[in-house]
Amino acid sequence: MAREGSKAKISTAARGSEETRRRLLSSATAEFAEHGIAGARVDRIAEAAGVNKQAIYAYFASKEGLFDAVFDAMVLQGLETVPIDAYNLPEYAARLHDRYQKHPEVLRIATWYALERGRGTPHPSALRSSKNKVAAIREAQVAGAVTKTIPAEDLLMLVLSISRSGHTDSPECVSPARAARATRQHIANAVRRLVASD
């Protein structure tokens, strides 16, 4: 009987621990998207999550560790919600565009990373994700479904850049009014022309 009570307490504690971690990641995502890494404040993150700021250090060791956890979660969510289809890159680009429209924090956090920590080096999570996507594009190239005239790495970079078109948080956006006219269909058409097999 005592053993069952101990298991119930551990289970309840584990659920509470996971919920605290989830709330911290959620509030940190909003804070990092708005203020970047340097400008983010752990006290604001903790307050928004409804926890003591010491919880940040207990779960993530540092503000930078929390940022890495946010970035990892963002990449994983992207892979789950918008998996690459190298045989239909136009639709893949359009679905990425949809994600950026629905979750503008994704581009903002990626931009902050590039500005504050990137120095030309992708985040490890993004690098692993990119390698898998490049491999998928190479496979489609070998199958003749995608142009071979552009190396797979460059083709991925171009598809990702096009997918950000029309998003006012994209670093390439120079005119929000013009961006508002960009549509999912224009993005798909641009990628379709780019990747057409030889």
Protein backbone atom coordinates (compact mmCIF):
# COMPACT_ATOMS: atom_id res chain seq x y z
CA MET A 1 0.00 0.00 0.00
CA ALA A 2 2.81 2.40 0.91
CA ARG A 3 4.60 1.50 -2.31
CA GLU A 4 1.50 2.41 -4.37
CA GLY A 5 1.29 5.76 -2.56
CA SER A 6 4.95 6.44 -3.37
CA LYS A 7 4.37 5.64 -7.05
CA ALA A 8 1.38 7.99 -7.15
CA LYS A 9 3.44 10.80 -5.57
CA ILE A 10 6.29 10.26 -8.07
CA SER A 11 3.81 10.24 -10.96
CA THR A 12 2.18 13.45 -9.74
CA ALA A 13 5.59 15.09 -9.23
CA ALA A 14 6.71 14.01 -12.73
CA ARG A 15 3.55 15.48 -14.27
CA GLY A 16 4.07 18.72 -12.34
CA SER A 17 7.72 18.81 -13.40
CA GLU A 18 6.80 18.31 -17.06
CA GLU A 19 4.09 20.97 -16.84
CA THR A 20 6.56 23.45 -15.30
CA ARG A 21 9.06 22.72 -18.08
CA ARG A 22 6.34 23.17 -20.73
CA ARG A 23 5.25 26.51 -19.25
CA LEU A 24 8.86 27.72 -19.12
CA LEU A 25 9.44 26.78 -22.76
CA SER A 26 6.23 28.53 -23.80
CA SER A 27 6.99 31.78 -21.97
CA ALA A 28 10.65 31.65 -23.05
CA THR A 29 9.61 31.27 -26.70
CA ALA A 30 7.59 34.48 -26.48
CA GLU A 31 10.37 36.31 -24.61
CA PHE A 32 13.17 35.24 -26.98
CA ALA A 33 11.07 36.03 -30.04
CA GLU A 34 10.44 39.55 -28.74
CA HIS A 35 13.79 40.43 -27.19
CA GLY A 36 16.41 38.03 -28.54
CA ILE A 37 18.87 36.15 -26.37
CA ALA A 38 20.70 39.10 -24.86
CA GLY A 39 17.54 41.14 -24.27
CA ALA A 40 15.50 38.30 -22.77
CA ARG A 41 15.09 38.42 -18.99
CA VAL A 42 14.79 35.30 -16.86
CA ASP A 43 12.60 37.10 -14.32
CA ARG A 44 10.04 37.94 -17.04
CA ILE A 45 10.14 34.35 -18.33
CA ALA A 46 9.64 32.94 -14.84
CA GLU A 47 6.84 35.38 -14.04
CA ALA A 48 5.00 34.57 -17.28
CA ALA A 49 5.38 30.85 -16.55
CA GLY A 50 4.16 31.33 -12.98
CA VAL A 51 7.28 29.83 -11.40
CA ASN A 52 10.31 30.94 -9.40
CA LYS A 53 13.20 31.95 -11.67
CA GLN A 54 15.40 29.37 -9.95
CA ALA A 55 13.34 26.78 -11.84
CA ILE A 56 14.99 28.01 -15.07
CA TYR A 57 18.42 27.12 -13.70
CA ALA A 58 17.17 23.83 -12.26
CA TYR A 59 15.70 22.70 -15.59
CA PHE A 60 17.98 24.37 -18.14
CA ALA A 61 21.16 25.45 -16.24
CA SER A 62 21.26 28.92 -17.83
CA LYS A 63 19.42 31.40 -20.04
CA GLU A 64 21.45 30.10 -22.98
CA GLY A 65 20.48 26.53 -22.10
CA LEU A 66 16.84 27.60 -22.05
CA PHE A 67 17.26 29.23 -25.47
CA ASP A 68 18.79 26.02 -26.84
CA ALA A 69 15.83 24.04 -25.47
CA VAL A 70 13.42 26.48 -27.14
CA PHE A 71 15.31 26.22 -30.43
CA ASP A 72 15.40 22.40 -30.23
CA ALA A 73 11.65 22.27 -29.56
CA MET A 74 11.01 24.67 -32.44
CA VAL A 75 13.00 22.50 -34.89
CA LEU A 76 11.34 19.30 -33.68
CA GLN A 77 7.89 20.82 -34.00
CA GLY A 78 8.76 21.96 -37.53
CA LEU A 79 9.88 18.46 -38.51
CA GLU A 80 6.69 16.97 -37.09
CA THR A 81 4.22 19.49 -38.52
CA VAL A 82 5.94 20.16 -41.86
CA PRO A 83 7.98 17.09 -42.85
CA ILE A 84 9.90 17.49 -46.08
CA ASP A 85 8.51 15.93 -49.23
CA ALA A 86 11.42 16.20 -51.66
CA TYR A 87 9.20 14.85 -54.44
CA ASN A 88 6.80 17.77 -53.97
CA LEU A 89 8.99 20.71 -52.94
CA PRO A 90 6.45 23.34 -54.13
CA GLU A 91 3.86 22.07 -51.62
CA TYR A 92 6.56 21.71 -48.95
CA ALA A 93 7.52 25.38 -49.41
CA ALA A 94 3.85 26.41 -49.26
CA ARG A 95 3.34 24.44 -46.02
CA LEU A 96 6.44 26.07 -44.52
CA HIS A 97 4.99 29.45 -45.49
CA ASP A 98 1.76 28.50 -43.72
CA ARG A 99 3.73 27.61 -40.59
CA TYR A 100 5.58 30.93 -40.60
CA GLN A 101 2.28 32.77 -40.96
CA LYS A 102 0.76 30.82 -38.06
CA HIS A 103 3.90 30.91 -35.89
CA PRO A 104 5.83 34.13 -36.60
CA GLU A 105 8.02 33.44 -33.58
CA VAL A 106 9.81 30.72 -35.57
CA LEU A 107 11.44 33.18 -37.98
CA ARG A 108 12.05 35.72 -35.23
CA ILE A 109 13.92 33.24 -33.04
CA ALA A 110 15.93 31.92 -36.00
CA THR A 111 16.84 35.51 -36.89
CA TRP A 112 17.88 36.32 -33.31
CA TYR A 113 20.04 33.19 -33.26
CA ALA A 114 21.75 34.21 -36.50
CA LEU A 115 22.35 37.73 -35.20
CA GLU A 116 23.52 36.89 -31.70
CA ARG A 117 25.07 33.44 -31.84
CA GLY A 118 25.14 32.22 -35.40
CA ARG A 119 28.18 33.85 -36.97
CA GLY A 120 27.50 31.69 -40.02
CA THR A 121 27.12 28.49 -37.98
CA PRO A 122 23.70 26.85 -37.88
CA HIS A 123 22.29 25.72 -34.54
CA PRO A 124 23.07 21.99 -34.03
CA SER A 125 19.37 21.09 -34.25
CA ALA A 126 18.97 23.04 -37.48
CA LEU A 127 22.14 21.45 -38.88
CA ARG A 128 20.85 17.91 -38.23
CA SER A 129 17.50 18.84 -39.75
CA SER A 130 19.17 20.34 -42.82
CA LYS A 131 21.35 17.27 -43.40
CA ASN A 132 18.26 15.05 -43.47
CA LYS A 133 16.49 17.42 -45.86
CA VAL A 134 19.51 17.57 -48.18
CA ALA A 135 19.64 13.77 -48.25
CA ALA A 136 15.94 13.65 -49.19
CA ILE A 137 16.48 16.18 -52.00
CA ARG A 138 19.48 14.20 -53.31
CA GLU A 139 17.32 11.09 -53.43
CA ALA A 140 14.68 12.97 -55.44
CA GLN A 141 17.40 14.27 -57.76
CA VAL A 142 18.71 10.75 -58.39
CA ALA A 143 15.13 9.64 -59.13
CA GLY A 144 14.83 12.45 -61.69
CA ALA A 145 12.00 14.19 -59.82
CA VAL A 146 14.01 17.33 -59.07
CA THR A 147 16.56 19.28 -61.09
CA LYS A 148 20.17 18.14 -60.83
CA THR A 149 21.55 21.45 -62.07
CA ILE A 150 21.45 22.94 -58.55
CA PRO A 151 23.30 21.13 -55.73
CA ALA A 152 20.94 19.76 -53.10
CA GLU A 153 22.34 22.03 -50.36
CA ASP A 154 21.78 25.14 -52.48
CA LEU A 155 18.36 23.96 -53.60
CA LEU A 156 17.27 23.53 -49.98
CA MET A 157 18.51 27.02 -49.12
CA LEU A 158 16.59 28.51 -52.04
CA VAL A 159 13.36 26.64 -51.20
CA LEU A 160 13.59 27.76 -47.56
CA SER A 161 14.23 31.36 -48.60
CA ILE A 162 11.28 31.38 -50.98
CA SER A 163 9.03 29.89 -48.29
CA ARG A 164 9.72 32.95 -46.10
CA SER A 165 8.51 35.32 -48.81
CA GLY A 166 5.57 37.45 -47.83
CA HIS A 167 6.29 37.20 -44.14
CA THR A 168 6.81 40.56 -42.50
CA ASP A 169 9.13 39.05 -39.86
CA SER A 170 11.41 37.65 -42.55
CA PRO A 171 14.73 39.52 -42.78
CA GLU A 172 14.20 39.75 -46.55
CA CYS A 173 10.89 41.61 -46.24
CA VAL A 174 11.40 45.20 -47.36
CA SER A 175 7.76 46.18 -47.83
CA PRO A 176 4.99 44.85 -45.57
CA ALA A 177 2.33 46.16 -47.98
CA ARG A 178 3.92 44.25 -50.85
CA ALA A 179 4.42 41.22 -48.62
CA ALA A 180 0.70 41.14 -47.84
CA ARG A 181 0.04 40.49 -51.54
CA ALA A 182 2.38 37.49 -51.67
CA THR A 183 0.42 34.27 -51.55
CA ARG A 184 0.94 30.63 -50.89
CA GLN A 185 0.28 29.91 -54.56
CA HIS A 186 3.01 32.31 -55.72
CA ILE A 187 5.48 30.54 -53.46
CA ALA A 188 4.48 27.11 -54.75
CA ASN A 189 4.72 28.31 -58.37
CA ALA A 190 8.18 29.83 -57.82
CA VAL A 191 9.50 26.61 -56.28
CA ARG A 192 7.85 24.52 -59.01
CA ARG A 193 9.79 26.43 -61.64
CA LEU A 194 13.00 26.29 -59.63
CA VAL A 195 13.01 22.53 -59.05
CA ALA A 196 11.58 21.35 -62.39
CA SER A 197 13.55 18.30 -63.48
CA ASP A 198 15.91 18.66 -66.41
